[in-house]
């Protein structure tokens, strides 16, 4: 996946980028997805650890073929990350980079540069910050493997199925 983070004045304008048009100034990553990986950053910034999922992102658009998503970063993470002083970003990334996801990350990706550039987007504060996630051709060619029911859903005491919270 390619994750392109960008600023936009509103959800409607951001959703309009679902067609793949050039975004202008972006912060790109092949590792930092806006849900689980930014959720880790959100928790490092002081978000509750006992929530039922992630507060960091919400999908606002999806292409018909499923190859692209546009996701809005929450005001919560923008506020938390935007308040961090620029000289503190490196210390924060030192902790964030200990995640297993980064140890397996994309070759040549510099998490410190990504974090500094994303920090600048969050501090600008005009409109919102969004992520356009685009699947690689190889990801689209392979049929998705179905997840076992035990990994996708859990049963409550009354037998009703409910989604499991995402893991960090």
N, C-alpha and C. Protein backbone atom coordinates (compact mmCIF):
# COMPACT_ATOMS: atom_id res chain seq x y z
N UNK A 1 0.85 -1.19 0.00
CA UNK A 1 0.00 0.00 0.00
C UNK A 1 0.89 1.24 0.00
N UNK A 2 0.38 2.26 -0.65
CA UNK A 2 1.01 3.57 -0.59
C UNK A 2 0.06 4.47 0.18
N UNK A 3 0.57 5.09 1.24
CA UNK A 3 -0.21 6.01 2.06
C UNK A 3 0.29 7.42 1.79
N UNK A 4 -0.60 8.27 1.28
CA UNK A 4 -0.26 9.66 0.97
C UNK A 4 -1.07 10.57 1.88
N UNK A 5 -0.39 11.25 2.78
CA UNK A 5 -1.04 12.16 3.72
C UNK A 5 -1.02 13.56 3.12
N UNK A 6 -2.16 14.26 3.23
CA UNK A 6 -2.27 15.58 2.62
C UNK A 6 -3.28 16.43 3.40
N UNK A 7 -3.18 17.73 3.23
CA UNK A 7 -4.14 18.65 3.85
C UNK A 7 -5.24 18.96 2.85
N UNK A 8 -6.45 19.14 3.37
CA UNK A 8 -7.58 19.50 2.53
C UNK A 8 -8.53 20.34 3.37
N UNK A 9 -9.25 21.27 2.72
CA UNK A 9 -10.14 22.14 3.50
C UNK A 9 -11.33 21.43 4.13
N UNK A 10 -11.78 20.30 3.52
CA UNK A 10 -12.95 19.62 4.06
C UNK A 10 -13.03 18.20 3.50
N UNK A 11 -13.96 17.41 4.07
CA UNK A 11 -14.13 16.01 3.66
C UNK A 11 -14.50 15.88 2.19
N UNK A 12 -15.36 16.76 1.69
CA UNK A 12 -15.81 16.67 0.30
C UNK A 12 -14.64 16.84 -0.67
N UNK A 13 -13.80 17.83 -0.42
CA UNK A 13 -12.63 18.05 -1.28
C UNK A 13 -11.67 16.88 -1.20
N UNK A 14 -11.47 16.37 0.00
CA UNK A 14 -10.56 15.23 0.17
C UNK A 14 -11.11 14.00 -0.53
N UNK A 15 -12.42 13.75 -0.39
CA UNK A 15 -13.04 12.58 -1.02
C UNK A 15 -12.91 12.65 -2.54
N UNK A 16 -12.86 13.86 -3.10
CA UNK A 16 -12.72 14.03 -4.54
C UNK A 16 -11.40 13.52 -5.09
N UNK A 17 -10.44 13.25 -4.22
CA UNK A 17 -9.14 12.74 -4.67
C UNK A 17 -9.15 11.23 -4.87
N UNK A 18 -10.29 10.59 -4.63
CA UNK A 18 -10.39 9.14 -4.76
C UNK A 18 -10.07 8.67 -6.17
N UNK A 19 -10.20 9.57 -7.15
CA UNK A 19 -9.95 9.21 -8.54
C UNK A 19 -8.46 9.06 -8.87
N UNK A 20 -7.59 9.35 -7.93
CA UNK A 20 -6.15 9.18 -8.16
C UNK A 20 -5.45 10.40 -8.68
N UNK A 21 -6.15 11.53 -8.80
CA UNK A 21 -5.51 12.76 -9.29
C UNK A 21 -4.33 13.15 -8.40
N UNK A 22 -3.38 13.87 -8.96
CA UNK A 22 -2.23 14.31 -8.15
C UNK A 22 -2.70 15.16 -6.96
N UNK A 23 -2.04 14.98 -5.84
CA UNK A 23 -2.44 15.65 -4.61
C UNK A 23 -1.67 16.93 -4.33
N UNK A 24 -0.59 17.15 -5.01
CA UNK A 24 0.27 18.28 -4.66
C UNK A 24 1.23 17.85 -3.56
N UNK A 25 1.32 18.64 -2.53
CA UNK A 25 2.25 18.36 -1.44
C UNK A 25 1.71 17.23 -0.54
N UNK A 26 2.47 16.15 -0.45
CA UNK A 26 2.07 15.02 0.38
C UNK A 26 3.22 14.53 1.23
N UNK A 27 2.86 13.76 2.24
CA UNK A 27 3.81 13.02 3.06
C UNK A 27 3.50 11.56 2.78
N UNK A 28 4.46 10.81 2.23
CA UNK A 28 4.20 9.45 1.78
C UNK A 28 4.88 8.41 2.66
N UNK A 29 4.24 7.25 2.72
CA UNK A 29 4.80 6.12 3.46
C UNK A 29 4.26 4.82 2.88
N UNK A 30 5.02 3.78 3.02
CA UNK A 30 4.55 2.43 2.67
C UNK A 30 4.34 1.62 3.95
N UNK A 31 4.61 2.22 5.09
CA UNK A 31 4.53 1.52 6.37
C UNK A 31 3.46 2.12 7.29
N UNK A 32 3.35 3.43 7.33
CA UNK A 32 2.49 4.11 8.31
C UNK A 32 1.06 4.20 7.80
N UNK A 33 0.26 3.18 8.15
CA UNK A 33 -1.15 3.24 7.78
C UNK A 33 -1.89 4.10 8.81
N UNK A 34 -2.98 4.75 8.39
CA UNK A 34 -3.64 5.71 9.25
C UNK A 34 -4.46 5.10 10.38
N UNK A 35 -4.64 3.81 10.38
CA UNK A 35 -5.42 3.20 11.46
C UNK A 35 -4.50 2.63 12.52
N UNK A 36 -3.94 1.46 12.30
CA UNK A 36 -3.19 0.82 13.37
C UNK A 36 -1.87 1.51 13.71
N UNK A 37 -1.11 1.92 12.72
CA UNK A 37 0.21 2.50 13.01
C UNK A 37 0.08 3.90 13.59
N UNK A 38 -0.82 4.73 13.04
CA UNK A 38 -1.04 6.03 13.66
C UNK A 38 -1.75 5.88 15.00
N UNK A 39 -2.50 4.81 15.16
CA UNK A 39 -3.10 4.51 16.46
C UNK A 39 -2.04 4.31 17.52
N UNK A 40 -0.93 3.68 17.14
CA UNK A 40 0.19 3.51 18.07
C UNK A 40 0.75 4.88 18.48
N UNK A 41 0.91 5.76 17.51
CA UNK A 41 1.39 7.12 17.80
C UNK A 41 0.41 7.84 18.72
N UNK A 42 -0.87 7.68 18.43
CA UNK A 42 -1.90 8.34 19.23
C UNK A 42 -1.81 7.90 20.70
N UNK A 43 -1.60 6.61 20.92
CA UNK A 43 -1.46 6.12 22.29
C UNK A 43 -0.19 6.65 22.95
N UNK A 44 0.89 6.75 22.19
CA UNK A 44 2.12 7.33 22.75
C UNK A 44 1.92 8.79 23.16
N UNK A 45 1.01 9.46 22.47
CA UNK A 45 0.73 10.86 22.76
C UNK A 45 -0.23 11.04 23.93
N UNK A 46 -0.70 9.93 24.49
CA UNK A 46 -1.53 10.02 25.68
C UNK A 46 -2.97 9.62 25.52
N UNK A 47 -3.36 9.06 24.39
CA UNK A 47 -4.74 8.59 24.22
C UNK A 47 -4.98 7.40 25.16
N UNK A 48 -6.23 7.17 25.48
CA UNK A 48 -6.58 6.05 26.35
C UNK A 48 -6.09 4.74 25.74
N UNK A 49 -5.63 3.86 26.57
CA UNK A 49 -5.18 2.55 26.10
C UNK A 49 -6.29 1.51 26.16
N UNK A 50 -7.41 1.83 26.78
CA UNK A 50 -8.47 0.85 26.95
C UNK A 50 -9.63 1.06 26.00
N UNK A 51 -9.41 1.83 24.91
CA UNK A 51 -10.52 2.08 24.00
C UNK A 51 -10.83 0.83 23.17
N UNK A 52 -11.99 0.84 22.52
CA UNK A 52 -12.44 -0.33 21.76
C UNK A 52 -11.88 -0.39 20.34
N UNK A 53 -11.01 0.45 20.00
CA UNK A 53 -10.46 0.48 18.66
C UNK A 53 -9.58 1.70 18.55
N UNK A 54 -9.54 2.28 17.39
CA UNK A 54 -8.65 3.41 17.16
C UNK A 54 -9.45 4.67 16.92
N UNK A 55 -8.99 5.75 17.51
CA UNK A 55 -9.64 7.04 17.33
C UNK A 55 -8.99 7.83 16.21
N UNK A 56 -7.89 7.33 15.69
CA UNK A 56 -7.04 8.14 14.82
C UNK A 56 -7.55 8.38 13.41
N UNK A 57 -8.49 7.58 12.90
CA UNK A 57 -8.85 7.71 11.48
C UNK A 57 -10.27 7.26 11.21
N UNK A 58 -10.86 7.84 10.15
CA UNK A 58 -12.20 7.44 9.71
C UNK A 58 -12.23 7.49 8.19
N UNK A 59 -12.69 6.41 7.55
CA UNK A 59 -12.78 6.36 6.10
C UNK A 59 -13.92 7.27 5.64
N UNK A 60 -13.63 8.10 4.61
CA UNK A 60 -14.67 8.98 4.07
C UNK A 60 -15.00 8.67 2.61
N UNK A 61 -14.14 7.91 1.92
CA UNK A 61 -14.42 7.55 0.53
C UNK A 61 -13.67 6.27 0.17
N UNK A 62 -14.28 5.51 -0.76
CA UNK A 62 -13.65 4.28 -1.27
C UNK A 62 -13.94 4.20 -2.75
N UNK A 63 -12.92 3.87 -3.55
CA UNK A 63 -13.12 3.73 -4.98
C UNK A 63 -13.97 2.49 -5.25
N UNK A 64 -14.63 2.47 -6.40
CA UNK A 64 -15.51 1.35 -6.74
C UNK A 64 -14.78 0.01 -6.76
N UNK A 65 -13.52 0.04 -7.21
CA UNK A 65 -12.76 -1.21 -7.28
C UNK A 65 -12.05 -1.55 -5.98
N UNK A 66 -12.18 -0.70 -4.98
CA UNK A 66 -11.55 -0.96 -3.69
C UNK A 66 -10.06 -0.69 -3.65
N UNK A 67 -9.51 -0.16 -4.73
CA UNK A 67 -8.06 0.07 -4.81
C UNK A 67 -7.61 1.30 -4.03
N UNK A 68 -8.54 2.24 -3.76
CA UNK A 68 -8.19 3.46 -3.04
C UNK A 68 -9.19 3.75 -1.95
N UNK A 69 -8.66 4.26 -0.85
CA UNK A 69 -9.48 4.76 0.25
C UNK A 69 -9.00 6.16 0.57
N UNK A 70 -9.91 7.02 1.00
CA UNK A 70 -9.53 8.32 1.55
C UNK A 70 -10.00 8.31 2.99
N UNK A 71 -9.07 8.63 3.87
CA UNK A 71 -9.28 8.51 5.30
C UNK A 71 -8.98 9.85 5.96
N UNK A 72 -9.87 10.28 6.85
CA UNK A 72 -9.65 11.52 7.59
C UNK A 72 -9.00 11.18 8.93
N UNK A 73 -7.91 11.90 9.23
CA UNK A 73 -7.30 11.76 10.56
C UNK A 73 -8.17 12.53 11.54
N UNK A 74 -8.33 11.99 12.72
CA UNK A 74 -9.21 12.62 13.70
C UNK A 74 -8.64 13.94 14.20
N UNK A 75 -9.55 14.81 14.62
CA UNK A 75 -9.13 16.07 15.25
C UNK A 75 -8.31 15.76 16.49
N UNK A 76 -8.60 14.65 17.13
CA UNK A 76 -7.90 14.24 18.35
C UNK A 76 -6.40 14.06 18.09
N UNK A 77 -6.07 13.26 17.07
CA UNK A 77 -4.64 13.04 16.80
C UNK A 77 -3.98 14.30 16.24
N UNK A 78 -4.72 15.08 15.44
CA UNK A 78 -4.15 16.32 14.92
C UNK A 78 -3.81 17.27 16.05
N UNK A 79 -4.69 17.35 17.02
CA UNK A 79 -4.46 18.23 18.16
C UNK A 79 -3.30 17.72 19.01
N UNK A 80 -3.32 16.42 19.34
CA UNK A 80 -2.24 15.86 20.16
C UNK A 80 -0.88 16.01 19.49
N UNK A 81 -0.80 15.60 18.23
CA UNK A 81 0.50 15.62 17.53
C UNK A 81 0.91 17.04 17.18
N UNK A 82 -0.05 17.89 16.86
CA UNK A 82 0.26 19.28 16.53
C UNK A 82 0.82 20.06 17.70
N UNK A 83 0.46 19.67 18.92
CA UNK A 83 0.97 20.37 20.11
C UNK A 83 2.39 19.96 20.50
N UNK A 84 2.87 18.85 19.97
CA UNK A 84 4.23 18.40 20.28
C UNK A 84 5.22 19.42 19.71
N UNK A 85 6.20 19.77 20.52
CA UNK A 85 7.22 20.70 20.06
C UNK A 85 8.11 20.01 19.03
N UNK A 86 8.54 20.72 17.99
CA UNK A 86 9.34 20.09 16.93
C UNK A 86 10.57 19.34 17.45
N UNK A 87 11.24 19.87 18.47
CA UNK A 87 12.44 19.18 18.97
C UNK A 87 12.09 17.91 19.77
N UNK A 88 10.82 17.71 20.10
CA UNK A 88 10.38 16.52 20.83
C UNK A 88 9.99 15.40 19.87
N UNK A 89 9.76 15.73 18.60
CA UNK A 89 9.32 14.72 17.63
C UNK A 89 10.32 13.57 17.55
N UNK A 90 11.61 13.87 17.55
CA UNK A 90 12.63 12.80 17.46
C UNK A 90 12.51 11.84 18.64
N UNK A 91 12.33 12.36 19.84
CA UNK A 91 12.19 11.51 21.02
C UNK A 91 10.95 10.63 20.92
N UNK A 92 9.88 11.20 20.42
CA UNK A 92 8.65 10.45 20.23
C UNK A 92 8.85 9.34 19.21
N UNK A 93 9.52 9.65 18.11
CA UNK A 93 9.76 8.66 17.06
C UNK A 93 10.69 7.55 17.57
N UNK A 94 11.61 7.89 18.45
CA UNK A 94 12.47 6.85 19.04
C UNK A 94 11.62 5.77 19.71
N UNK A 95 10.56 6.17 20.41
CA UNK A 95 9.66 5.22 21.06
C UNK A 95 8.76 4.51 20.02
N UNK A 96 8.22 5.29 19.10
CA UNK A 96 7.31 4.77 18.09
C UNK A 96 8.00 3.73 17.22
N UNK A 97 9.26 3.95 16.90
CA UNK A 97 10.00 3.08 15.98
C UNK A 97 10.28 1.70 16.57
N UNK A 98 10.04 1.51 17.85
CA UNK A 98 10.28 0.20 18.47
C UNK A 98 9.21 -0.81 18.09
N UNK A 99 8.17 -0.34 17.42
CA UNK A 99 7.09 -1.22 16.98
C UNK A 99 7.62 -2.26 16.01
N UNK A 100 7.07 -3.45 16.11
CA UNK A 100 7.44 -4.55 15.20
C UNK A 100 7.21 -4.15 13.74
N UNK A 101 6.18 -3.34 13.50
CA UNK A 101 5.85 -2.91 12.14
C UNK A 101 7.01 -2.16 11.49
N UNK A 102 7.71 -1.35 12.26
CA UNK A 102 8.82 -0.58 11.70
C UNK A 102 10.07 -1.41 11.52
N UNK A 103 10.24 -2.40 12.34
CA UNK A 103 11.42 -3.27 12.17
C UNK A 103 11.31 -4.06 10.88
N UNK A 104 10.06 -4.34 10.44
CA UNK A 104 9.83 -5.05 9.16
C UNK A 104 9.61 -4.08 8.01
N UNK A 105 9.62 -2.79 8.29
CA UNK A 105 9.17 -1.74 7.37
C UNK A 105 9.74 -1.75 5.97
N UNK A 106 9.32 -0.76 5.22
CA UNK A 106 9.75 -0.61 3.83
C UNK A 106 11.21 -0.18 3.78
N UNK A 107 12.00 -0.82 2.93
CA UNK A 107 13.40 -0.43 2.80
C UNK A 107 13.52 1.02 2.34
N UNK A 108 14.43 1.73 2.95
CA UNK A 108 14.71 3.10 2.53
C UNK A 108 13.74 4.13 3.09
N UNK A 109 12.75 3.70 3.85
CA UNK A 109 11.81 4.66 4.42
C UNK A 109 12.38 5.24 5.71
N UNK A 110 12.37 6.55 5.80
CA UNK A 110 12.92 7.26 6.95
C UNK A 110 11.77 7.72 7.84
N UNK A 111 11.56 7.03 8.94
CA UNK A 111 10.46 7.34 9.83
C UNK A 111 10.60 8.74 10.44
N UNK A 112 11.82 9.17 10.69
CA UNK A 112 12.04 10.50 11.28
C UNK A 112 11.59 11.61 10.32
N UNK A 113 11.92 11.47 9.05
CA UNK A 113 11.49 12.45 8.05
C UNK A 113 9.98 12.42 7.91
N UNK A 114 9.40 11.22 7.82
CA UNK A 114 7.96 11.09 7.73
C UNK A 114 7.30 11.78 8.92
N UNK A 115 7.76 11.50 10.13
CA UNK A 115 7.15 12.06 11.34
C UNK A 115 7.25 13.59 11.37
N UNK A 116 8.40 14.12 10.96
CA UNK A 116 8.58 15.58 10.94
C UNK A 116 7.64 16.22 9.91
N UNK A 117 7.51 15.60 8.74
CA UNK A 117 6.64 16.15 7.70
C UNK A 117 5.16 16.04 8.10
N UNK A 118 4.77 14.92 8.71
CA UNK A 118 3.40 14.77 9.19
C UNK A 118 3.12 15.78 10.31
N UNK A 119 4.09 15.99 11.15
CA UNK A 119 3.96 16.98 12.23
C UNK A 119 3.68 18.36 11.66
N UNK A 120 4.40 18.72 10.61
CA UNK A 120 4.17 20.02 9.97
C UNK A 120 2.75 20.11 9.42
N UNK A 121 2.25 19.03 8.80
CA UNK A 121 0.87 19.03 8.29
C UNK A 121 -0.13 19.23 9.44
N UNK A 122 0.09 18.54 10.55
CA UNK A 122 -0.81 18.65 11.70
C UNK A 122 -0.78 20.04 12.32
N UNK A 123 0.37 20.67 12.33
CA UNK A 123 0.50 22.00 12.94
C UNK A 123 -0.13 23.09 12.08
N UNK A 124 -0.15 22.88 10.76
CA UNK A 124 -0.73 23.89 9.88
C UNK A 124 -2.19 24.16 10.24
N UNK A 125 -2.91 23.11 10.55
CA UNK A 125 -4.26 23.23 11.06
C UNK A 125 -5.31 23.80 10.13
N UNK A 126 -5.04 23.97 8.86
CA UNK A 126 -6.07 24.49 7.96
C UNK A 126 -6.88 23.31 7.40
N UNK A 127 -8.16 23.32 7.68
CA UNK A 127 -8.99 22.21 7.24
C UNK A 127 -8.66 20.97 8.03
N UNK A 128 -8.33 19.91 7.33
CA UNK A 128 -8.00 18.65 7.99
C UNK A 128 -6.84 17.97 7.31
N UNK A 129 -6.38 16.89 7.91
CA UNK A 129 -5.33 16.07 7.31
C UNK A 129 -5.96 14.72 6.96
N UNK A 130 -5.66 14.27 5.76
CA UNK A 130 -6.27 13.07 5.20
C UNK A 130 -5.17 12.14 4.70
N UNK A 131 -5.56 10.90 4.47
CA UNK A 131 -4.65 9.92 3.88
C UNK A 131 -5.37 9.25 2.73
N UNK A 132 -4.70 9.22 1.58
CA UNK A 132 -5.21 8.43 0.46
C UNK A 132 -4.37 7.16 0.44
N UNK A 133 -5.01 6.03 0.65
CA UNK A 133 -4.33 4.74 0.64
C UNK A 133 -4.61 4.07 -0.69
N UNK A 134 -3.55 3.70 -1.40
CA UNK A 134 -3.68 3.09 -2.72
C UNK A 134 -3.02 1.72 -2.69
N UNK A 135 -3.78 0.70 -3.08
CA UNK A 135 -3.25 -0.66 -3.11
C UNK A 135 -2.30 -0.81 -4.29
N UNK A 136 -1.26 -1.60 -4.08
CA UNK A 136 -0.34 -1.94 -5.17
C UNK A 136 -1.04 -2.93 -6.10
N UNK A 137 -0.63 -2.95 -7.36
CA UNK A 137 -1.23 -3.86 -8.34
C UNK A 137 -1.15 -5.31 -7.87
N UNK A 138 -0.05 -5.69 -7.24
CA UNK A 138 0.10 -7.07 -6.77
C UNK A 138 -0.92 -7.40 -5.68
N UNK A 139 -1.28 -6.41 -4.87
CA UNK A 139 -2.28 -6.64 -3.82
C UNK A 139 -3.67 -6.83 -4.41
N UNK A 140 -3.94 -6.15 -5.51
CA UNK A 140 -5.25 -6.25 -6.15
C UNK A 140 -5.40 -7.54 -6.94
N UNK A 141 -4.28 -8.08 -7.45
CA UNK A 141 -4.33 -9.27 -8.29
C UNK A 141 -4.64 -10.53 -7.48
N UNK A 142 -4.16 -10.58 -6.26
CA UNK A 142 -4.36 -11.78 -5.43
C UNK A 142 -5.71 -11.71 -4.74
N UNK A 143 -6.47 -12.80 -4.77
CA UNK A 143 -7.75 -12.80 -4.05
C UNK A 143 -7.48 -12.78 -2.55
N UNK A 144 -8.30 -12.05 -1.81
CA UNK A 144 -8.08 -12.00 -0.37
C UNK A 144 -8.36 -13.34 0.27
N UNK A 145 -7.53 -13.70 1.21
CA UNK A 145 -7.73 -14.94 1.94
C UNK A 145 -8.77 -14.69 3.03
N UNK A 146 -9.76 -15.53 3.11
CA UNK A 146 -10.77 -15.30 4.16
C UNK A 146 -10.16 -15.54 5.53
N UNK A 147 -10.51 -14.68 6.46
CA UNK A 147 -10.03 -14.83 7.83
C UNK A 147 -10.95 -15.80 8.55
N UNK A 148 -10.39 -16.62 9.41
CA UNK A 148 -11.25 -17.50 10.21
C UNK A 148 -12.21 -16.67 11.05
N UNK A 149 -13.41 -17.20 11.26
CA UNK A 149 -14.42 -16.45 12.02
C UNK A 149 -13.89 -16.03 13.38
N UNK A 150 -13.08 -16.87 13.99
CA UNK A 150 -12.56 -16.56 15.33
C UNK A 150 -11.68 -15.32 15.33
N UNK A 151 -11.10 -14.98 14.18
CA UNK A 151 -10.25 -13.79 14.10
C UNK A 151 -11.06 -12.55 13.76
N UNK A 152 -12.21 -12.70 13.18
CA UNK A 152 -12.99 -11.58 12.70
C UNK A 152 -14.06 -11.15 13.70
N UNK A 153 -14.64 -12.10 14.38
CA UNK A 153 -15.76 -11.78 15.25
C UNK A 153 -15.64 -12.54 16.56
N UNK A 154 -16.29 -11.99 17.56
CA UNK A 154 -16.38 -12.66 18.85
C UNK A 154 -17.84 -12.67 19.25
N UNK A 155 -18.21 -13.61 20.05
CA UNK A 155 -19.60 -13.70 20.50
C UNK A 155 -19.72 -13.08 21.89
N UNK A 156 -20.78 -12.31 22.06
CA UNK A 156 -21.08 -11.76 23.38
C UNK A 156 -21.77 -12.86 24.18
N UNK A 157 -22.07 -12.59 25.44
CA UNK A 157 -22.71 -13.60 26.30
C UNK A 157 -24.05 -14.06 25.74
N UNK A 158 -24.77 -13.16 25.03
CA UNK A 158 -26.07 -13.55 24.48
C UNK A 158 -25.95 -14.16 23.09
N UNK A 159 -24.73 -14.44 22.63
CA UNK A 159 -24.52 -15.11 21.36
C UNK A 159 -24.46 -14.21 20.15
N UNK A 160 -24.58 -12.92 20.32
CA UNK A 160 -24.53 -11.97 19.21
C UNK A 160 -23.08 -11.77 18.78
N UNK A 161 -22.86 -11.77 17.46
CA UNK A 161 -21.51 -11.54 16.95
C UNK A 161 -21.18 -10.06 17.02
N UNK A 162 -19.95 -9.73 17.36
CA UNK A 162 -19.50 -8.35 17.37
C UNK A 162 -18.08 -8.31 16.83
N UNK A 163 -17.67 -7.20 16.17
CA UNK A 163 -16.31 -7.11 15.67
C UNK A 163 -15.31 -7.03 16.80
N UNK A 164 -14.16 -7.59 16.56
CA UNK A 164 -13.09 -7.48 17.55
C UNK A 164 -12.39 -6.14 17.38
N UNK A 165 -11.89 -5.56 18.47
CA UNK A 165 -11.13 -4.32 18.33
C UNK A 165 -9.81 -4.60 17.62
N UNK A 166 -9.31 -3.61 16.93
CA UNK A 166 -8.02 -3.76 16.25
C UNK A 166 -6.91 -3.76 17.26
N UNK A 167 -5.84 -4.45 16.90
CA UNK A 167 -4.65 -4.48 17.76
C UNK A 167 -3.64 -3.49 17.25
N UNK A 168 -2.84 -3.00 18.14
CA UNK A 168 -1.79 -2.05 17.77
C UNK A 168 -0.61 -2.76 17.19
